[in-house]
């Protein structure tokens, strides 16, 4: 059980890096686009350093589809926190409903259907 949590932890760390790579520049709109692309690419390198091992290790415990759905849920949780605390944007009710519908996917993908 503990070993199967390692991929989830690695996916979480990778998503923090990726969220900053994709959205962190939105607070720095005066920075040249070419510079933002290079900086984002550099940050994304570290995302891959966690994402690839997470999937390699995680595939011992989960199917590829389960890993992908877990990654999407982690992405949404990380992004929600990022948008509220870093970008200072509101988390609206319809965003939460949309996120909850994606959580429903977790049920269908992880449930054992015999």
PDB file of N, CA and C in Angstrom:
ATOM      1  N   UNK A   1       0.823  -1.198   0.000  1.00  0.00           N
ATOM      2  CA  UNK A   1       0.000   0.000   0.000  1.00  0.00           C
ATOM      3  C   UNK A   1       0.862   1.255   0.000  1.00  0.00           C
ATOM      4  N   UNK A   2       1.889   1.285   0.840  1.00  0.00           N
ATOM      5  CA  UNK A   2       2.755   2.462   0.936  1.00  0.00           C
ATOM      6  C   UNK A   2       3.493   2.683  -0.380  1.00  0.00           C
ATOM      7  N   UNK A   3       3.988   1.605  -0.998  1.00  0.00           N
ATOM      8  CA  UNK A   3       4.703   1.747  -2.266  1.00  0.00           C
ATOM      9  C   UNK A   3       3.805   2.277  -3.377  1.00  0.00           C
ATOM     10  N   UNK A   4       2.530   1.938  -3.321  1.00  0.00           N
ATOM     11  CA  UNK A   4       1.624   2.417  -4.359  1.00  0.00           C
ATOM     12  C   UNK A   4       1.301   3.901  -4.188  1.00  0.00           C
ATOM     13  N   UNK A   5       1.622   4.490  -3.046  1.00  0.00           N
ATOM     14  CA  UNK A   5       1.430   5.921  -2.831  1.00  0.00           C
ATOM     15  C   UNK A   5       2.565   6.743  -3.433  1.00  0.00           C
ATOM     16  N   UNK A   6       3.722   6.127  -3.636  1.00  0.00           N
ATOM     17  CA  UNK A   6       4.863   6.846  -4.206  1.00  0.00           C
ATOM     18  C   UNK A   6       4.536   7.462  -5.565  1.00  0.00           C
ATOM     19  N   UNK A   7       3.909   6.728  -6.481  1.00  0.00           N
ATOM     20  CA  UNK A   7       3.572   7.353  -7.764  1.00  0.00           C
ATOM     21  C   UNK A   7       2.632   8.547  -7.607  1.00  0.00           C
ATOM     22  N   UNK A   8       1.720   8.476  -6.654  1.00  0.00           N
ATOM     23  CA  UNK A   8       0.782   9.577  -6.421  1.00  0.00           C
ATOM     24  C   UNK A   8       1.548  10.800  -5.917  1.00  0.00           C
ATOM     25  N   UNK A   9       2.486  10.585  -5.032  1.00  0.00           N
ATOM     26  CA  UNK A   9       3.327  11.682  -4.535  1.00  0.00           C
ATOM     27  C   UNK A   9       4.152  12.285  -5.675  1.00  0.00           C
ATOM     28  N   UNK A  10       4.760  11.430  -6.489  1.00  0.00           N
ATOM     29  CA  UNK A  10       5.563  11.910  -7.625  1.00  0.00           C
ATOM     30  C   UNK A  10       4.695  12.660  -8.634  1.00  0.00           C
ATOM     31  N   UNK A  11       3.495  12.153  -8.887  1.00  0.00           N
ATOM     32  CA  UNK A  11       2.578  12.853  -9.800  1.00  0.00           C
ATOM     33  C   UNK A  11       2.187  14.222  -9.244  1.00  0.00           C
ATOM     34  N   UNK A  12       2.025  14.305  -7.939  1.00  0.00           N
ATOM     35  CA  UNK A  12       1.675  15.583  -7.321  1.00  0.00           C
ATOM     36  C   UNK A  12       2.811  16.586  -7.487  1.00  0.00           C
ATOM     37  N   UNK A  13       4.020  16.170  -7.211  1.00  0.00           N
ATOM     38  CA  UNK A  13       5.175  17.070  -7.371  1.00  0.00           C
ATOM     39  C   UNK A  13       5.319  17.483  -8.834  1.00  0.00           C
ATOM     40  N   UNK A  14       5.173  16.537  -9.747  1.00  0.00           N
ATOM     41  CA  UNK A  14       5.309  16.866 -11.172  1.00  0.00           C
ATOM     42  C   UNK A  14       4.239  17.872 -11.596  1.00  0.00           C
ATOM     43  N   UNK A  15       3.048  17.747 -11.049  1.00  0.00           N
ATOM     44  CA  UNK A  15       1.965  18.667 -11.397  1.00  0.00           C
ATOM     45  C   UNK A  15       2.190  20.065 -10.848  1.00  0.00           C
ATOM     46  N   UNK A  16       2.840  20.178  -9.709  1.00  0.00           N
ATOM     47  CA  UNK A  16       3.177  21.504  -9.196  1.00  0.00           C
ATOM     48  C   UNK A  16       4.124  22.193 -10.184  1.00  0.00           C
ATOM     49  N   UNK A  17       5.145  21.481 -10.620  1.00  0.00           N
ATOM     50  CA  UNK A  17       6.072  22.049 -11.606  1.00  0.00           C
ATOM     51  C   UNK A  17       5.347  22.412 -12.905  1.00  0.00           C
ATOM     52  N   UNK A  18       4.508  21.508 -13.383  1.00  0.00           N
ATOM     53  CA  UNK A  18       3.839  21.754 -14.663  1.00  0.00           C
ATOM     54  C   UNK A  18       2.869  22.919 -14.578  1.00  0.00           C
ATOM     55  N   UNK A  19       2.190  23.044 -13.465  1.00  0.00           N
ATOM     56  CA  UNK A  19       1.257  24.163 -13.307  1.00  0.00           C
ATOM     57  C   UNK A  19       2.010  25.487 -13.351  1.00  0.00           C
ATOM     58  N   UNK A  20       3.153  25.554 -12.694  1.00  0.00           N
ATOM     59  CA  UNK A  20       3.955  26.777 -12.768  1.00  0.00           C
ATOM     60  C   UNK A  20       4.490  26.998 -14.178  1.00  0.00           C
ATOM     61  N   UNK A  21       4.866  25.925 -14.858  1.00  0.00           N
ATOM     62  CA  UNK A  21       5.373  26.069 -16.228  1.00  0.00           C
ATOM     63  C   UNK A  21       4.294  26.592 -17.162  1.00  0.00           C
ATOM     64  N   UNK A  22       3.089  26.102 -17.017  1.00  0.00           N
ATOM     65  CA  UNK A  22       2.006  26.467 -17.932  1.00  0.00           C
ATOM     66  C   UNK A  22       1.316  27.771 -17.567  1.00  0.00           C
ATOM     67  N   UNK A  23       1.186  28.050 -16.255  1.00  0.00           N
ATOM     68  CA  UNK A  23       0.351  29.175 -15.836  1.00  0.00           C
ATOM     69  C   UNK A  23       1.074  30.229 -15.000  1.00  0.00           C
ATOM     70  N   UNK A  24       2.250  29.932 -14.498  1.00  0.00           N
ATOM     71  CA  UNK A  24       2.965  30.875 -13.641  1.00  0.00           C
ATOM     72  C   UNK A  24       3.257  32.205 -14.308  1.00  0.00           C
ATOM     73  N   UNK A  25       3.466  32.189 -15.605  1.00  0.00           N
ATOM     74  CA  UNK A  25       3.794  33.411 -16.343  1.00  0.00           C
ATOM     75  C   UNK A  25       2.624  34.381 -16.437  1.00  0.00           C
ATOM     76  N   UNK A  26       1.421  33.939 -16.104  1.00  0.00           N
ATOM     77  CA  UNK A  26       0.255  34.817 -16.206  1.00  0.00           C
ATOM     78  C   UNK A  26       0.340  35.999 -15.234  1.00  0.00           C
ATOM     79  N   UNK A  27       1.165  35.877 -14.201  1.00  0.00           N
ATOM     80  CA  UNK A  27       1.388  37.001 -13.293  1.00  0.00           C
ATOM     81  C   UNK A  27       2.493  37.929 -13.804  1.00  0.00           C
ATOM     82  N   UNK A  28       3.131  37.554 -14.883  1.00  0.00           N
ATOM     83  CA  UNK A  28       4.277  38.320 -15.411  1.00  0.00           C
ATOM     84  C   UNK A  28       4.050  38.622 -16.887  1.00  0.00           C
ATOM     85  N   UNK A  29       2.964  39.282 -17.175  1.00  0.00           N
ATOM     86  CA  UNK A  29       2.570  39.506 -18.570  1.00  0.00           C
ATOM     87  C   UNK A  29       3.488  40.476 -19.310  1.00  0.00           C
ATOM     88  N   UNK A  30       4.318  41.214 -18.593  1.00  0.00           N
ATOM     89  CA  UNK A  30       5.235  42.136 -19.278  1.00  0.00           C
ATOM     90  C   UNK A  30       6.504  41.436 -19.753  1.00  0.00           C
ATOM     91  N   UNK A  31       6.716  40.206 -19.299  1.00  0.00           N
ATOM     92  CA  UNK A  31       7.885  39.435 -19.737  1.00  0.00           C
ATOM     93  C   UNK A  31       7.688  38.997 -21.181  1.00  0.00           C
ATOM     94  N   UNK A  32       8.741  39.113 -21.974  1.00  0.00           N
ATOM     95  CA  UNK A  32       8.670  38.747 -23.397  1.00  0.00           C
ATOM     96  C   UNK A  32       8.233  37.290 -23.549  1.00  0.00           C
ATOM     97  N   UNK A  33       7.423  37.041 -24.548  1.00  0.00           N
ATOM     98  CA  UNK A  33       6.878  35.699 -24.764  1.00  0.00           C
ATOM     99  C   UNK A  33       7.988  34.678 -24.988  1.00  0.00           C
ATOM    100  N   UNK A  34       9.027  35.030 -25.731  1.00  0.00           N
ATOM    101  CA  UNK A  34      10.121  34.078 -25.980  1.00  0.00           C
ATOM    102  C   UNK A  34      10.801  33.687 -24.667  1.00  0.00           C
ATOM    103  N   UNK A  35      10.938  34.639 -23.749  1.00  0.00           N
ATOM    104  CA  UNK A  35      11.558  34.354 -22.459  1.00  0.00           C
ATOM    105  C   UNK A  35      10.652  33.444 -21.620  1.00  0.00           C
ATOM    106  N   UNK A  36       9.354  33.711 -21.668  1.00  0.00           N
ATOM    107  CA  UNK A  36       8.393  32.887 -20.935  1.00  0.00           C
ATOM    108  C   UNK A  36       8.430  31.453 -21.443  1.00  0.00           C
ATOM    109  N   UNK A  37       8.517  31.293 -22.747  1.00  0.00           N
ATOM    110  CA  UNK A  37       8.573  29.947 -23.325  1.00  0.00           C
ATOM    111  C   UNK A  37       9.822  29.213 -22.835  1.00  0.00           C
ATOM    112  N   UNK A  38      10.957  29.875 -22.861  1.00  0.00           N
ATOM    113  CA  UNK A  38      12.205  29.226 -22.409  1.00  0.00           C
ATOM    114  C   UNK A  38      12.165  28.900 -20.920  1.00  0.00           C
ATOM    115  N   UNK A  39      11.669  29.831 -20.122  1.00  0.00           N
ATOM    116  CA  UNK A  39      11.569  29.585 -18.681  1.00  0.00           C
ATOM    117  C   UNK A  39      10.603  28.433 -18.412  1.00  0.00           C
ATOM    118  N   UNK A  40       9.467  28.444 -19.084  1.00  0.00           N
ATOM    119  CA  UNK A  40       8.483  27.370 -18.907  1.00  0.00           C
ATOM    120  C   UNK A  40       9.060  26.025 -19.323  1.00  0.00           C
ATOM    121  N   UNK A  41       9.813  26.019 -20.398  1.00  0.00           N
ATOM    122  CA  UNK A  41      10.444  24.774 -20.845  1.00  0.00           C
ATOM    123  C   UNK A  41      11.421  24.263 -19.795  1.00  0.00           C
ATOM    124  N   UNK A  42      12.177  25.177 -19.190  1.00  0.00           N
ATOM    125  CA  UNK A  42      13.115  24.781 -18.134  1.00  0.00           C
ATOM    126  C   UNK A  42      12.405  24.200 -16.928  1.00  0.00           C
ATOM    127  N   UNK A  43      11.284  24.807 -16.545  1.00  0.00           N
ATOM    128  CA  UNK A  43      10.498  24.286 -15.423  1.00  0.00           C
ATOM    129  C   UNK A  43       9.913  22.921 -15.774  1.00  0.00           C
ATOM    130  N   UNK A  44       9.460  22.783 -17.010  1.00  0.00           N
ATOM    131  CA  UNK A  44       8.853  21.520 -17.454  1.00  0.00           C
ATOM    132  C   UNK A  44       9.848  20.365 -17.407  1.00  0.00           C
ATOM    133  N   UNK A  45      11.136  20.661 -17.559  1.00  0.00           N
ATOM    134  CA  UNK A  45      12.142  19.599 -17.438  1.00  0.00           C
ATOM    135  C   UNK A  45      12.011  18.899 -16.088  1.00  0.00           C
ATOM    136  N   UNK A  46      11.844  19.693 -15.021  1.00  0.00           N
ATOM    137  CA  UNK A  46      11.729  19.114 -13.685  1.00  0.00           C
ATOM    138  C   UNK A  46      10.418  18.349 -13.529  1.00  0.00           C
ATOM    139  N   UNK A  47       9.390  18.821 -14.222  1.00  0.00           N
ATOM    140  CA  UNK A  47       8.125  18.079 -14.222  1.00  0.00           C
ATOM    141  C   UNK A  47       8.343  16.678 -14.766  1.00  0.00           C
ATOM    142  N   UNK A  48       9.068  16.576 -15.867  1.00  0.00           N
ATOM    143  CA  UNK A  48       9.340  15.274 -16.471  1.00  0.00           C
ATOM    144  C   UNK A  48      10.185  14.391 -15.561  1.00  0.00           C
ATOM    145  N   UNK A  49      11.068  15.006 -14.768  1.00  0.00           N
ATOM    146  CA  UNK A  49      11.912  14.233 -13.847  1.00  0.00           C
ATOM    147  C   UNK A  49      11.084  13.519 -12.782  1.00  0.00           C
ATOM    148  N   UNK A  50       9.874  13.998 -12.538  1.00  0.00           N
ATOM    149  CA  UNK A  50       8.975  13.347 -11.589  1.00  0.00           C
ATOM    150  C   UNK A  50       7.882  12.544 -12.297  1.00  0.00           C
ATOM    151  N   UNK A  51       7.411  13.037 -13.429  1.00  0.00           N
ATOM    152  CA  UNK A  51       6.309  12.393 -14.151  1.00  0.00           C
ATOM    153  C   UNK A  51       6.707  11.018 -14.697  1.00  0.00           C
ATOM    154  N   UNK A  52       7.847  10.952 -15.334  1.00  0.00           N
ATOM    155  CA  UNK A  52       8.267   9.693 -15.956  1.00  0.00           C
ATOM    156  C   UNK A  52       8.470   8.598 -14.900  1.00  0.00           C
ATOM    157  N   UNK A  53       9.209   8.859 -13.813  1.00  0.00           N
ATOM    158  CA  UNK A  53       9.313   7.822 -12.776  1.00  0.00           C
ATOM    159  C   UNK A  53       7.961   7.475 -12.142  1.00  0.00           C
ATOM    160  N   UNK A  54       7.091   8.476 -11.992  1.00  0.00           N
ATOM    161  CA  UNK A  54       5.771   8.201 -11.414  1.00  0.00           C
ATOM    162  C   UNK A  54       5.017   7.184 -12.260  1.00  0.00           C
ATOM    163  N   UNK A  55       5.056   7.368 -13.576  1.00  0.00           N
ATOM    164  CA  UNK A  55       4.358   6.437 -14.460  1.00  0.00           C
ATOM    165  C   UNK A  55       5.053   5.080 -14.515  1.00  0.00           C
ATOM    166  N   UNK A  56       6.373   5.082 -14.519  1.00  0.00           N
ATOM    167  CA  UNK A  56       7.110   3.812 -14.556  1.00  0.00           C
ATOM    168  C   UNK A  56       6.847   3.001 -13.301  1.00  0.00           C
ATOM    169  N   UNK A  57       6.956   3.649 -12.140  1.00  0.00           N
ATOM    170  CA  UNK A  57       6.718   2.962 -10.865  1.00  0.00           C
ATOM    171  C   UNK A  57       5.229   2.648 -10.710  1.00  0.00           C
ATOM    172  N   UNK A  58       4.397   3.605 -11.056  1.00  0.00           N
ATOM    173  CA  UNK A  58       2.957   3.441 -10.882  1.00  0.00           C
ATOM    174  C   UNK A  58       2.359   2.329 -11.700  1.00  0.00           C
ATOM    175  N   UNK A  59       2.965   2.035 -12.856  1.00  0.00           N
ATOM    176  CA  UNK A  59       2.416   0.985 -13.717  1.00  0.00           C
ATOM    177  C   UNK A  59       2.576  -0.396 -13.104  1.00  0.00           C
ATOM    178  N   UNK A  60       3.358  -0.504 -12.033  1.00  0.00           N
ATOM    179  CA  UNK A  60       3.452  -1.766 -11.290  1.00  0.00           C
ATOM    180  C   UNK A  60       2.185  -2.016 -10.467  1.00  0.00           C
ATOM    181  N   UNK A  61       1.475  -0.933 -10.143  1.00  0.00           N
ATOM    182  CA  UNK A  61       0.311  -1.014  -9.263  1.00  0.00           C
ATOM    183  C   UNK A  61      -0.998  -0.667  -9.961  1.00  0.00           C
ATOM    184  N   UNK A  62      -0.925   0.150 -11.013  1.00  0.00           N
ATOM    185  CA  UNK A  62      -2.104   0.681 -11.674  1.00  0.00           C
ATOM    186  C   UNK A  62      -2.016   0.455 -13.175  1.00  0.00           C
ATOM    187  N   UNK A  63      -3.161   0.421 -13.819  1.00  0.00           N
ATOM    188  CA  UNK A  63      -3.157   0.377 -15.283  1.00  0.00           C
ATOM    189  C   UNK A  63      -2.805   1.774 -15.798  1.00  0.00           C
ATOM    190  N   UNK A  64      -2.488   1.865 -17.083  1.00  0.00           N
ATOM    191  CA  UNK A  64      -2.176   3.170 -17.680  1.00  0.00           C
ATOM    192  C   UNK A  64      -3.384   4.107 -17.582  1.00  0.00           C
ATOM    193  N   UNK A  65      -4.575   3.569 -17.783  1.00  0.00           N
ATOM    194  CA  UNK A  65      -5.782   4.398 -17.681  1.00  0.00           C
ATOM    195  C   UNK A  65      -5.972   4.912 -16.255  1.00  0.00           C
ATOM    196  N   UNK A  66      -5.715   4.066 -15.268  1.00  0.00           N
ATOM    197  CA  UNK A  66      -5.832   4.509 -13.881  1.00  0.00           C
ATOM    198  C   UNK A  66      -4.809   5.593 -13.559  1.00  0.00           C
ATOM    199  N   UNK A  67      -3.587   5.437 -14.060  1.00  0.00           N
ATOM    200  CA  UNK A  67      -2.566   6.464 -13.850  1.00  0.00           C
ATOM    201  C   UNK A  67      -2.987   7.791 -14.468  1.00  0.00           C
ATOM    202  N   UNK A  68      -3.550   7.732 -15.667  1.00  0.00           N
ATOM    203  CA  UNK A  68      -3.959   8.955 -16.350  1.00  0.00           C
ATOM    204  C   UNK A  68      -5.087   9.659 -15.609  1.00  0.00           C
ATOM    205  N   UNK A  69      -6.066   8.913 -15.154  1.00  0.00           N
ATOM    206  CA  UNK A  69      -7.184   9.511 -14.426  1.00  0.00           C
ATOM    207  C   UNK A  69      -6.690  10.088 -13.099  1.00  0.00           C
ATOM    208  N   UNK A  70      -5.816   9.373 -12.414  1.00  0.00           N
ATOM    209  CA  UNK A  70      -5.244   9.892 -11.162  1.00  0.00           C
ATOM    210  C   UNK A  70      -4.495  11.189 -11.431  1.00  0.00           C
ATOM    211  N   UNK A  71      -3.732  11.210 -12.519  1.00  0.00           N
ATOM    212  CA  UNK A  71      -2.970  12.414 -12.873  1.00  0.00           C
ATOM    213  C   UNK A  71      -3.899  13.584 -13.155  1.00  0.00           C
ATOM    214  N   UNK A  72      -5.004  13.346 -13.800  1.00  0.00           N
ATOM    215  CA  UNK A  72      -5.956  14.424 -14.104  1.00  0.00           C
ATOM    216  C   UNK A  72      -6.570  14.992 -12.831  1.00  0.00           C
ATOM    217  N   UNK A  73      -6.921  14.134 -11.892  1.00  0.00           N
ATOM    218  CA  UNK A  73      -7.497  14.595 -10.626  1.00  0.00           C
ATOM    219  C   UNK A  73      -6.455  15.393  -9.844  1.00  0.00           C
ATOM    220  N   UNK A  74      -5.240  14.885  -9.795  1.00  0.00           N
ATOM    221  CA  UNK A  74      -4.163  15.611  -9.114  1.00  0.00           C
ATOM    222  C   UNK A  74      -3.955  16.965  -9.776  1.00  0.00           C
ATOM    223  N   UNK A  75      -3.969  16.990 -11.098  1.00  0.00           N
ATOM    224  CA  UNK A  75      -3.805  18.247 -11.828  1.00  0.00           C
ATOM    225  C   UNK A  75      -4.883  19.252 -11.427  1.00  0.00           C
ATOM    226  N   UNK A  76      -6.120  18.808 -11.338  1.00  0.00           N
ATOM    227  CA  UNK A  76      -7.205  19.706 -10.972  1.00  0.00           C
ATOM    228  C   UNK A  76      -7.064  20.229  -9.548  1.00  0.00           C
ATOM    229  N   UNK A  77      -6.665  19.376  -8.631  1.00  0.00           N
ATOM    230  CA  UNK A  77      -6.485  19.806  -7.242  1.00  0.00           C
ATOM    231  C   UNK A  77      -5.346  20.819  -7.149  1.00  0.00           C
ATOM    232  N   UNK A  78      -4.222  20.505  -7.791  1.00  0.00           N
ATOM    233  CA  UNK A  78      -3.077  21.418  -7.781  1.00  0.00           C
ATOM    234  C   UNK A  78      -3.453  22.736  -8.453  1.00  0.00           C
ATOM    235  N   UNK A  79      -4.121  22.652  -9.604  1.00  0.00           N
ATOM    236  CA  UNK A  79      -4.504  23.861 -10.327  1.00  0.00           C
ATOM    237  C   UNK A  79      -5.480  24.717  -9.530  1.00  0.00           C
ATOM    238  N   UNK A  80      -6.441  24.086  -8.863  1.00  0.00           N
ATOM    239  CA  UNK A  80      -7.406  24.844  -8.066  1.00  0.00           C
ATOM    240  C   UNK A  80      -6.683  25.633  -6.976  1.00  0.00           C
ATOM    241  N   UNK A  81      -5.774  24.988  -6.279  1.00  0.00           N
ATOM    242  CA  UNK A  81      -4.995  25.691  -5.259  1.00  0.00           C
ATOM    243  C   UNK A  81      -4.137  26.789  -5.843  1.00  0.00           C
ATOM    244  N   UNK A  82      -3.515  26.508  -6.963  1.00  0.00           N
ATOM    245  CA  UNK A  82      -2.656  27.479  -7.639  1.00  0.00           C
ATOM    246  C   UNK A  82      -3.444  28.707  -8.072  1.00  0.00           C
ATOM    247  N   UNK A  83      -4.599  28.476  -8.674  1.00  0.00           N
ATOM    248  CA  UNK A  83      -5.378  29.610  -9.175  1.00  0.00           C
ATOM    249  C   UNK A  83      -5.908  30.473  -8.039  1.00  0.00           C
ATOM    250  N   UNK A  84      -6.244  29.865  -6.905  1.00  0.00           N
ATOM    251  CA  UNK A  84      -6.751  30.633  -5.765  1.00  0.00           C
ATOM    252  C   UNK A  84      -5.617  31.353  -5.035  1.00  0.00           C
ATOM    253  N   UNK A  85      -4.547  30.631  -4.725  1.00  0.00           N
ATOM    254  CA  UNK A  85      -3.502  31.202  -3.868  1.00  0.00           C
ATOM    255  C   UNK A  85      -2.430  31.981  -4.633  1.00  0.00           C
ATOM    256  N   UNK A  86      -2.104  31.581  -5.840  1.00  0.00           N
ATOM    257  CA  UNK A  86      -1.054  32.260  -6.610  1.00  0.00           C
ATOM    258  C   UNK A  86      -1.630  33.310  -7.556  1.00  0.00           C
ATOM    259  N   UNK A  87      -2.631  32.929  -8.319  1.00  0.00           N
ATOM    260  CA  UNK A  87      -3.222  33.867  -9.278  1.00  0.00           C
ATOM    261  C   UNK A  87      -4.309  34.740  -8.651  1.00  0.00           C
ATOM    262  N   UNK A  88      -4.736  34.388  -7.437  1.00  0.00           N
ATOM    263  CA  UNK A  88      -5.765  35.149  -6.714  1.00  0.00           C
ATOM    264  C   UNK A  88      -7.091  35.191  -7.473  1.00  0.00           C
ATOM    265  N   UNK A  89      -7.450  34.083  -8.098  1.00  0.00           N
ATOM    266  CA  UNK A  89      -8.718  33.973  -8.811  1.00  0.00           C
ATOM    267  C   UNK A  89      -9.724  33.219  -7.951  1.00  0.00           C
ATOM    268  N   UNK A  90     -10.991  33.511  -8.164  1.00  0.00           N
ATOM    269  CA  UNK A  90     -12.035  32.825  -7.422  1.00  0.00           C
ATOM    270  C   UNK A  90     -12.247  31.413  -7.960  1.00  0.00           C
ATOM    271  N   UNK A  91     -12.568  30.502  -7.058  1.00  0.00           N
ATOM    272  CA  UNK A  91     -12.947  29.151  -7.441  1.00  0.00           C
ATOM    273  C   UNK A  91     -14.475  29.127  -7.460  1.00  0.00           C
ATOM    274  N   UNK A  92     -15.048  29.249  -8.625  1.00  0.00           N
ATOM    275  CA  UNK A  92     -16.496  29.395  -8.774  1.00  0.00           C
ATOM    276  C   UNK A  92     -17.203  28.044  -8.644  1.00  0.00           C
ATOM    277  N   UNK A  93     -18.484  28.110  -8.331  1.00  0.00           N
ATOM    278  CA  UNK A  93     -19.260  26.890  -8.091  1.00  0.00           C
ATOM    279  C   UNK A  93     -19.278  25.980  -9.309  1.00  0.00           C
ATOM    280  N   UNK A  94     -19.357  26.561 -10.510  1.00  0.00           N
ATOM    281  CA  UNK A  94     -19.418  25.711 -11.698  1.00  0.00           C
ATOM    282  C   UNK A  94     -18.081  25.010 -11.959  1.00  0.00           C
ATOM    283  N   UNK A  95     -16.966  25.620 -11.540  1.00  0.00           N
ATOM    284  CA  UNK A  95     -15.671  24.941 -11.644  1.00  0.00           C
ATOM    285  C   UNK A  95     -15.666  23.718 -10.733  1.00  0.00           C
ATOM    286  N   UNK A  96     -16.175  23.910  -9.522  1.00  0.00           N
ATOM    287  CA  UNK A  96     -16.208  22.813  -8.549  1.00  0.00           C
ATOM    288  C   UNK A  96     -17.096  21.673  -9.051  1.00  0.00           C
ATOM    289  N   UNK A  97     -18.239  22.004  -9.631  1.00  0.00           N
ATOM    290  CA  UNK A  97     -19.119  20.968 -10.188  1.00  0.00           C
ATOM    291  C   UNK A  97     -18.399  20.208 -11.300  1.00  0.00           C
ATOM    292  N   UNK A  98     -17.721  20.931 -12.169  1.00  0.00           N
ATOM    293  CA  UNK A  98     -16.956  20.283 -13.237  1.00  0.00           C
ATOM    294  C   UNK A  98     -15.883  19.361 -12.685  1.00  0.00           C
ATOM    295  N   UNK A  99     -15.180  19.805 -11.654  1.00  0.00           N
ATOM    296  CA  UNK A  99     -14.149  18.983 -11.029  1.00  0.00           C
ATOM    297  C   UNK A  99     -14.766  17.728 -10.409  1.00  0.00           C
ATOM    298  N   UNK A 100     -15.925  17.887  -9.781  1.00  0.00           N
ATOM    299  CA  UNK A 100     -16.598  16.734  -9.169  1.00  0.00           C
ATOM    300  C   UNK A 100     -17.023  15.712 -10.220  1.00  0.00           C
ATOM    301  N   UNK A 101     -17.425  16.182 -11.377  1.00  0.00           N
ATOM    302  CA  UNK A 101     -17.787  15.249 -12.452  1.00  0.00           C
ATOM    303  C   UNK A 101     -16.566  14.459 -12.922  1.00  0.00           C
ATOM    304  N   UNK A 102     -15.428  15.097 -12.910  1.00  0.00           N
ATOM    305  CA  UNK A 102     -14.203  14.376 -13.267  1.00  0.00           C
ATOM    306  C   UNK A 102     -13.873  13.347 -12.189  1.00  0.00           C
ATOM    307  N   UNK A 103     -14.155  13.672 -10.935  1.00  0.00           N
ATOM    308  CA  UNK A 103     -13.953  12.690  -9.869  1.00  0.00           C
ATOM    309  C   UNK A 103     -14.823  11.454 -10.079  1.00  0.00           C
ATOM    310  N   UNK A 104     -15.969  11.643 -10.707  1.00  0.00           N
ATOM    311  CA  UNK A 104     -16.823  10.507 -11.027  1.00  0.00           C
ATOM    312  C   UNK A 104     -16.092   9.533 -11.961  1.00  0.00           C
ATOM    313  N   UNK A 105     -15.238  10.065 -12.810  1.00  0.00           N
ATOM    314  CA  UNK A 105     -14.428   9.216 -13.690  1.00  0.00           C
ATOM    315  C   UNK A 105     -13.520   8.304 -12.873  1.00  0.00           C
ATOM    316  N   UNK A 106     -13.029   8.811 -11.756  1.00  0.00           N
ATOM    317  CA  UNK A 106     -12.171   7.997 -10.888  1.00  0.00           C
ATOM    318  C   UNK A 106     -12.935   6.751 -10.434  1.00  0.00           C
ATOM    319  N   UNK A 107     -14.164   6.943 -10.042  1.00  0.00           N
ATOM    320  CA  UNK A 107     -14.980   5.802  -9.618  1.00  0.00           C
ATOM    321  C   UNK A 107     -15.059   4.749 -10.717  1.00  0.00           C
ATOM    322  N   UNK A 108     -15.388   5.175 -11.931  1.00  0.00           N
ATOM    323  CA  UNK A 108     -15.586   4.220 -13.022  1.00  0.00           C
ATOM    324  C   UNK A 108     -14.278   3.548 -13.446  1.00  0.00           C
ATOM    325  N   UNK A 109     -13.178   4.270 -13.389  1.00  0.00           N
ATOM    326  CA  UNK A 109     -11.911   3.691 -13.847  1.00  0.00           C
ATOM    327  C   UNK A 109     -11.292   2.783 -12.787  1.00  0.00           C
ATOM    328  N   UNK A 110     -11.451   3.127 -11.503  1.00  0.00           N
ATOM    329  CA  UNK A 110     -10.797   2.345 -10.451  1.00  0.00           C
ATOM    330  C   UNK A 110     -11.668   1.222  -9.901  1.00  0.00           C
ATOM    331  N   UNK A 111     -12.963   1.264 -10.137  1.00  0.00           N
ATOM    332  CA  UNK A 111     -13.840   0.199  -9.630  1.00  0.00           C
ATOM    333  C   UNK A 111     -13.573  -1.094 -10.390  1.00  0.00           C
ATOM    334  N   UNK A 112     -13.541  -2.159  -9.654  1.00  0.00           N
ATOM    335  CA  UNK A 112     -13.370  -3.488 -10.269  1.00  0.00           C
ATOM    336  C   UNK A 112     -14.711  -3.944 -10.817  1.00  0.00           C
ATOM    337  N   UNK A 113     -14.815  -4.041 -12.118  1.00  0.00           N
ATOM    338  CA  UNK A 113     -16.041  -4.484 -12.766  1.00  0.00           C
ATOM    339  C   UNK A 113     -15.834  -5.931 -13.223  1.00  0.00           C
ATOM    340  N   UNK A 114     -16.491  -6.841 -12.560  1.00  0.00           N
ATOM    341  CA  UNK A 114     -16.302  -8.271 -12.904  1.00  0.00           C
ATOM    342  C   UNK A 114     -17.307  -8.782 -13.867  1.00  0.00           C
TER     343      UNK A 114
END
